[in-house]
C-alpha atoms as a PDB file:
ATOM      1  CA  MET A   1      27.173 -14.122  48.116  1.00  0.00           C
ATOM      2  CA  ILE A   2      27.538 -16.498  51.065  1.00  0.00           C
ATOM      3  CA  SER A   3      28.604 -19.974  49.889  1.00  0.00           C
ATOM      4  CA  LYS A   4      29.875 -21.656  53.071  1.00  0.00           C
ATOM      5  CA  ILE A   5      29.296 -21.192  56.786  1.00  0.00           C
ATOM      6  CA  LYS A   6      31.221 -22.841  59.586  1.00  0.00           C
ATOM      7  CA  GLY A   7      30.331 -21.983  63.130  1.00  0.00           C
ATOM      8  CA  LYS A   8      28.759 -22.779  66.471  1.00  0.00           C
ATOM      9  CA  ILE A   9      25.177 -24.001  66.655  1.00  0.00           C
ATOM     10  CA  GLU A  10      23.298 -21.373  68.641  1.00  0.00           C
ATOM     11  CA  TYR A  11      19.933 -23.161  68.485  1.00  0.00           C
ATOM     12  CA  ILE A  12      17.886 -25.526  66.333  1.00  0.00           C
ATOM     13  CA  ARG A  13      14.223 -25.288  65.327  1.00  0.00           C
ATOM     14  CA  ASP A  14      11.959 -27.472  63.157  1.00  0.00           C
ATOM     15  CA  SER A  15      13.180 -26.195  59.799  1.00  0.00           C
ATOM     16  CA  TYR A  16      16.277 -24.142  60.501  1.00  0.00           C
ATOM     17  CA  VAL A  17      19.473 -23.744  62.508  1.00  0.00           C
ATOM     18  CA  VAL A  18      21.013 -20.529  63.784  1.00  0.00           C
ATOM     19  CA  VAL A  19      24.773 -20.661  63.274  1.00  0.00           C
ATOM     20  CA  GLY A  20      26.948 -18.232  65.238  1.00  0.00           C
ATOM     21  CA  VAL A  21      29.964 -16.829  63.414  1.00  0.00           C
ATOM     22  CA  ASN A  22      31.924 -13.914  64.922  1.00  0.00           C
ATOM     23  CA  ASN A  23      28.999 -12.777  67.100  1.00  0.00           C
ATOM     24  CA  ILE A  24      26.531 -12.863  64.180  1.00  0.00           C
ATOM     25  CA  GLY A  25      23.737 -15.459  64.035  1.00  0.00           C
ATOM     26  CA  TYR A  26      22.864 -16.783  60.571  1.00  0.00           C
ATOM     27  CA  LYS A  27      19.460 -18.445  60.132  1.00  0.00           C
ATOM     28  CA  VAL A  28      20.035 -21.403  57.809  1.00  0.00           C
ATOM     29  CA  PHE A  29      17.096 -23.453  56.502  1.00  0.00           C
ATOM     30  CA  VAL A  30      17.837 -27.186  56.319  1.00  0.00           C
ATOM     31  CA  THR A  31      16.142 -30.542  55.665  1.00  0.00           C
ATOM     32  CA  PRO A  32      14.974 -32.839  58.491  1.00  0.00           C
ATOM     33  CA  PHE A  33      17.781 -35.206  57.458  1.00  0.00           C
ATOM     34  CA  VAL A  34      20.380 -32.479  58.112  1.00  0.00           C
ATOM     35  CA  LEU A  35      18.732 -31.701  61.464  1.00  0.00           C
ATOM     36  CA  GLY A  36      19.051 -35.374  62.412  1.00  0.00           C
ATOM     37  CA  LYS A  37      22.721 -35.468  61.386  1.00  0.00           C
ATOM     38  CA  ILE A  38      23.718 -32.376  63.374  1.00  0.00           C
ATOM     39  CA  ALA A  39      21.692 -33.180  66.508  1.00  0.00           C
ATOM     40  CA  GLY A  40      24.072 -33.179  69.454  1.00  0.00           C
ATOM     41  CA  SER A  41      26.833 -31.350  67.553  1.00  0.00           C
ATOM     42  CA  GLN A  42      28.375 -28.137  68.814  1.00  0.00           C
ATOM     43  CA  GLU A  43      29.552 -26.868  65.418  1.00  0.00           C
ATOM     44  CA  VAL A  44      28.424 -27.179  61.806  1.00  0.00           C
ATOM     45  CA  ASP A  45      29.977 -26.677  58.400  1.00  0.00           C
ATOM     46  CA  PHE A  46      27.352 -25.965  55.721  1.00  0.00           C
ATOM     47  CA  PHE A  47      27.498 -25.499  51.975  1.00  0.00           C
ATOM     48  CA  ILE A  48      25.135 -22.569  51.427  1.00  0.00           C
ATOM     49  CA  HIS A  49      22.741 -21.446  48.738  1.00  0.00           C
ATOM     50  CA  THR A  50      21.918 -17.752  49.162  1.00  0.00           C
ATOM     51  CA  TYR A  51      18.394 -17.115  47.887  1.00  0.00           C
ATOM     52  CA  VAL A  52      17.730 -13.478  47.043  1.00  0.00           C
ATOM     53  CA  ARG A  53      14.464 -11.988  45.819  1.00  0.00           C
ATOM     54  CA  GLU A  54      13.141  -8.457  46.187  1.00  0.00           C
ATOM     55  CA  ASP A  55      11.508  -9.261  49.543  1.00  0.00           C
ATOM     56  CA  ILE A  56      13.538 -12.310  50.666  1.00  0.00           C
ATOM     57  CA  LEU A  57      17.125 -13.023  51.652  1.00  0.00           C
ATOM     58  CA  ALA A  58      17.388 -16.602  52.893  1.00  0.00           C
ATOM     59  CA  LEU A  59      20.179 -19.124  53.425  1.00  0.00           C
ATOM     60  CA  TYR A  60      19.764 -22.852  52.702  1.00  0.00           C
ATOM     61  CA  GLY A  61      22.368 -25.206  54.149  1.00  0.00           C
ATOM     62  CA  PHE A  62      23.592 -28.640  53.071  1.00  0.00           C
ATOM     63  CA  LEU A  63      26.183 -31.038  54.454  1.00  0.00           C
ATOM     64  CA  THR A  64      27.524 -32.094  51.048  1.00  0.00           C
ATOM     65  CA  LEU A  65      28.248 -30.319  47.807  1.00  0.00           C
ATOM     66  CA  GLU A  66      26.193 -32.969  45.980  1.00  0.00           C
ATOM     67  CA  GLU A  67      23.048 -31.988  47.954  1.00  0.00           C
ATOM     68  CA  LEU A  68      23.658 -28.279  47.287  1.00  0.00           C
ATOM     69  CA  GLU A  69      24.078 -28.889  43.558  1.00  0.00           C
ATOM     70  CA  MET A  70      20.881 -30.964  43.414  1.00  0.00           C
ATOM     71  CA  PHE A  71      18.988 -28.248  45.299  1.00  0.00           C
ATOM     72  CA  GLU A  72      20.227 -25.613  42.851  1.00  0.00           C
ATOM     73  CA  LEU A  73      19.226 -27.784  39.879  1.00  0.00           C
ATOM     74  CA  LEU A  74      15.765 -28.330  41.350  1.00  0.00           C
ATOM     75  CA  ILE A  75      15.051 -24.660  42.045  1.00  0.00           C
ATOM     76  CA  SER A  76      16.192 -23.735  38.530  1.00  0.00           C
ATOM     77  CA  ILE A  77      12.950 -25.354  37.300  1.00  0.00           C
ATOM     78  CA  SER A  78       9.893 -23.128  36.958  1.00  0.00           C
ATOM     79  CA  GLY A  79       7.394 -24.022  39.689  1.00  0.00           C
ATOM     80  CA  ILE A  80      10.014 -25.390  42.120  1.00  0.00           C
ATOM     81  CA  GLY A  81      10.956 -22.925  44.820  1.00  0.00           C
ATOM     82  CA  PRO A  82      13.291 -23.368  47.781  1.00  0.00           C
ATOM     83  CA  LYS A  83      10.518 -24.851  49.962  1.00  0.00           C
ATOM     84  CA  ALA A  84       9.705 -27.541  47.373  1.00  0.00           C
ATOM     85  CA  GLY A  85      13.436 -28.108  46.729  1.00  0.00           C
ATOM     86  CA  LEU A  86      14.036 -28.747  50.449  1.00  0.00           C
ATOM     87  CA  GLY A  87      10.922 -30.928  50.508  1.00  0.00           C
ATOM     88  CA  ILE A  88      12.279 -33.113  47.712  1.00  0.00           C
ATOM     89  CA  LEU A  89      15.671 -33.430  49.437  1.00  0.00           C
ATOM     90  CA  SER A  90      13.826 -34.330  52.655  1.00  0.00           C
ATOM     91  CA  ILE A  91      12.267 -37.453  51.167  1.00  0.00           C
ATOM     92  CA  ALA A  92      15.245 -38.657  49.125  1.00  0.00           C
ATOM     93  CA  ASP A  93      18.977 -38.073  48.880  1.00  0.00           C
ATOM     94  CA  ALA A  94      20.594 -36.534  45.800  1.00  0.00           C
ATOM     95  CA  LYS A  95      21.553 -39.906  44.270  1.00  0.00           C
ATOM     96  CA  THR A  96      17.995 -41.242  44.592  1.00  0.00           C
ATOM     97  CA  ILE A  97      16.582 -38.103  42.979  1.00  0.00           C
ATOM     98  CA  ARG A  98      19.135 -38.339  40.183  1.00  0.00           C
ATOM     99  CA  THR A  99      18.207 -41.976  39.571  1.00  0.00           C
ATOM    100  CA  ALA A 100      14.482 -41.152  39.559  1.00  0.00           C
ATOM    101  CA  ILE A 101      15.099 -38.451  36.958  1.00  0.00           C
ATOM    102  CA  LEU A 102      17.210 -40.762  34.783  1.00  0.00           C
ATOM    103  CA  ASN A 103      14.564 -43.516  35.042  1.00  0.00           C
ATOM    104  CA  GLU A 104      11.825 -40.957  34.305  1.00  0.00           C
ATOM    105  CA  ASP A 105      10.064 -41.939  37.542  1.00  0.00           C
ATOM    106  CA  PRO A 106       8.017 -38.997  38.911  1.00  0.00           C
ATOM    107  CA  SER A 107       6.785 -40.972  41.964  1.00  0.00           C
ATOM    108  CA  VAL A 108       9.719 -39.850  44.146  1.00  0.00           C
ATOM    109  CA  LEU A 109       9.084 -36.184  43.354  1.00  0.00           C
ATOM    110  CA  THR A 110       5.296 -36.295  43.732  1.00  0.00           C
ATOM    111  CA  LYS A 111       5.597 -37.449  47.366  1.00  0.00           C
ATOM    112  CA  VAL A 112       6.379 -33.831  48.237  1.00  0.00           C
ATOM    113  CA  SER A 113       3.522 -31.530  49.146  1.00  0.00           C
ATOM    114  CA  GLY A 114       3.001 -28.987  46.379  1.00  0.00           C
ATOM    115  CA  VAL A 115       4.690 -31.040  43.643  1.00  0.00           C
ATOM    116  CA  GLY A 116       2.121 -32.547  41.322  1.00  0.00           C
ATOM    117  CA  LYS A 117       2.573 -34.967  38.449  1.00  0.00           C
ATOM    118  CA  LYS A 118       2.947 -32.219  35.816  1.00  0.00           C
ATOM    119  CA  THR A 119       5.619 -30.393  37.822  1.00  0.00           C
ATOM    120  CA  ALA A 120       7.478 -33.675  38.479  1.00  0.00           C
ATOM    121  CA  GLU A 121       7.387 -34.499  34.749  1.00  0.00           C
ATOM    122  CA  ARG A 122       8.719 -31.009  33.933  1.00  0.00           C
ATOM    123  CA  VAL A 123      11.586 -31.533  36.425  1.00  0.00           C
ATOM    124  CA  ILE A 124      12.440 -34.843  34.758  1.00  0.00           C
ATOM    125  CA  LEU A 125      12.246 -33.358  31.252  1.00  0.00           C
ATOM    126  CA  GLU A 126      14.419 -30.345  32.075  1.00  0.00           C
ATOM    127  CA  LEU A 127      17.019 -32.091  34.259  1.00  0.00           C
ATOM    128  CA  LYS A 128      17.468 -35.435  32.491  1.00  0.00           C
ATOM    129  CA  ASN A 129      20.187 -34.136  30.172  1.00  0.00           C
ATOM    130  CA  LYS A 130      21.912 -32.126  32.931  1.00  0.00           C
ATOM    131  CA  ILE A 131      22.435 -35.106  35.227  1.00  0.00           C
ATOM    132  CA  ALA A 132      25.360 -37.454  34.656  1.00  0.00           C
ATOM    133  CA  ASP A 133      24.546 -41.116  34.038  1.00  0.00           C
ATOM    134  CA  LEU A 134      24.928 -43.725  36.797  1.00  0.00           C
ATOM    135  CA  SER A 135      26.090 -47.289  36.391  1.00  0.00           C
ATOM    136  CA  GLU A 136      23.411 -50.022  36.495  1.00  0.00           C
ATOM    137  CA  HIS A 137      24.808 -51.262  39.842  1.00  0.00           C
ATOM    138  CA  GLU A 138      24.372 -47.814  41.403  1.00  0.00           C
ATOM    139  CA  LYS A 139      20.811 -47.539  40.038  1.00  0.00           C
ATOM    140  CA  ASP A 140      19.786 -50.922  41.501  1.00  0.00           C
ATOM    141  CA  GLU A 141      21.375 -50.105  44.874  1.00  0.00           C
ATOM    142  CA  ILE A 142      19.687 -46.698  45.095  1.00  0.00           C
ATOM    143  CA  MET A 143      16.245 -47.997  44.101  1.00  0.00           C
ATOM    144  CA  ALA A 144      16.479 -50.802  46.705  1.00  0.00           C
ATOM    145  CA  ASP A 145      17.404 -48.281  49.392  1.00  0.00           C
ATOM    146  CA  SER A 146      14.578 -45.990  48.288  1.00  0.00           C
ATOM    147  CA  ASP A 147      12.025 -48.789  48.796  1.00  0.00           C
ATOM    148  CA  ALA A 148      13.609 -49.852  52.091  1.00  0.00           C
ATOM    149  CA  LEU A 149      13.645 -46.223  53.290  1.00  0.00           C
ATOM    150  CA  GLU A 150       9.965 -45.861  52.451  1.00  0.00           C
ATOM    151  CA  ALA A 151       9.184 -49.060  54.394  1.00  0.00           C
ATOM    152  CA  LEU A 152      11.070 -47.855  57.491  1.00  0.00           C
ATOM    153  CA  VAL A 153       9.416 -44.425  57.390  1.00  0.00           C
ATOM    154  CA  GLY A 154       6.058 -46.210  57.078  1.00  0.00           C
ATOM    155  CA  MET A 155       6.911 -48.033  60.331  1.00  0.00           C
ATOM    156  CA  GLY A 156       7.254 -44.706  62.132  1.00  0.00           C
ATOM    157  CA  TYR A 157      10.999 -44.009  61.913  1.00  0.00           C
ATOM    158  CA  SER A 158      12.231 -40.596  60.791  1.00  0.00           C
ATOM    159  CA  VAL A 159      13.892 -40.208  57.393  1.00  0.00           C
ATOM    160  CA  SER A 160      17.265 -39.472  59.020  1.00  0.00           C
ATOM    161  CA  GLU A 161      17.051 -42.536  61.316  1.00  0.00           C
ATOM    162  CA  ALA A 162      16.099 -44.753  58.369  1.00  0.00           C
ATOM    163  CA  ARG A 163      18.915 -43.422  56.146  1.00  0.00           C
ATOM    164  CA  GLU A 164      21.536 -43.843  58.856  1.00  0.00           C
ATOM    165  CA  SER A 165      20.471 -47.408  59.633  1.00  0.00           C
ATOM    166  CA  LEU A 166      20.457 -48.353  55.924  1.00  0.00           C
ATOM    167  CA  LYS A 167      24.001 -47.005  55.521  1.00  0.00           C
ATOM    168  CA  LEU A 168      25.125 -49.656  58.024  1.00  0.00           C
ATOM    169  CA  VAL A 169      23.658 -52.475  55.912  1.00  0.00           C
ATOM    170  CA  SER A 170      26.111 -54.102  53.499  1.00  0.00           C
ATOM    171  CA  VAL A 171      25.685 -53.102  49.845  1.00  0.00           C
ATOM    172  CA  GLU A 172      26.030 -56.794  48.965  1.00  0.00           C
ATOM    173  CA  ILE A 173      22.524 -57.424  50.336  1.00  0.00           C
ATOM    174  CA  LYS A 174      20.118 -56.664  47.496  1.00  0.00           C
ATOM    175  CA  ASP A 175      16.820 -58.042  48.822  1.00  0.00           C
ATOM    176  CA  ILE A 176      14.678 -55.175  50.101  1.00  0.00           C
ATOM    177  CA  GLY A 177      13.083 -57.247  52.872  1.00  0.00           C
ATOM    178  CA  GLU A 178      16.490 -58.326  54.137  1.00  0.00           C
ATOM    179  CA  ARG A 179      17.784 -54.726  54.009  1.00  0.00           C
ATOM    180  CA  VAL A 180      14.778 -53.557  56.068  1.00  0.00           C
ATOM    181  CA  LYS A 181      15.261 -56.406  58.567  1.00  0.00           C
ATOM    182  CA  LEU A 182      18.952 -55.560  59.090  1.00  0.00           C
ATOM    183  CA  ALA A 183      18.194 -51.837  59.287  1.00  0.00           C
ATOM    184  CA  LEU A 184      15.634 -52.563  62.024  1.00  0.00           C
ATOM    185  CA  LYS A 185      18.300 -54.488  63.936  1.00  0.00           C
ATOM    186  CA  ASN A 186      20.596 -51.442  63.645  1.00  0.00           C
ATOM    187  CA  LEU A 187      17.809 -49.185  64.876  1.00  0.00           C
ATOM    188  CA  GLY A 188      17.228 -51.539  67.838  1.00  0.00           C
ATOM    189  CA  LYS A 189      20.873 -51.176  68.939  1.00  0.00           C
ATOM    190  CA  LYS A 190      20.487 -47.449  69.602  1.00  0.00           C
END
């Protein structure tokens, strides 16, 4: 089983990257956020989930172990396949998804094409006990960033651009409007 790949980026497409390792090219499916993070890089280092079925052998790559673990939790649920798992991780990071599950909020999950309310509720029901609890401070911070991220994406910015700009905003600033305003300033500096 392949669990980690480090190598040269051969080429990038809309939903995957081909990583060259010892003259072999591995096709690794990734989220748009990962594509945004690796743009301009020569090499990558992915945590890998190897998905094997009778007619499929596919690799899914993540930049952090936390994202990989969330992906594996998501696809362990009946009705959530790798495509839906990547879709969920494309609209929210692992901490935001974890908070949504703990708060029993299916709205984050239902934003993904192919994930309806019943499937989102099943994900919450099955994963709630598997996910470690967060402090109240972390929950508030993540929910504020989730709303600010949604606002920035609504203004036409990509998810990766919005996430990166929000990371530059101080965690001391709690007001969503102020977070969006400062994130827009960061986006304007690029």
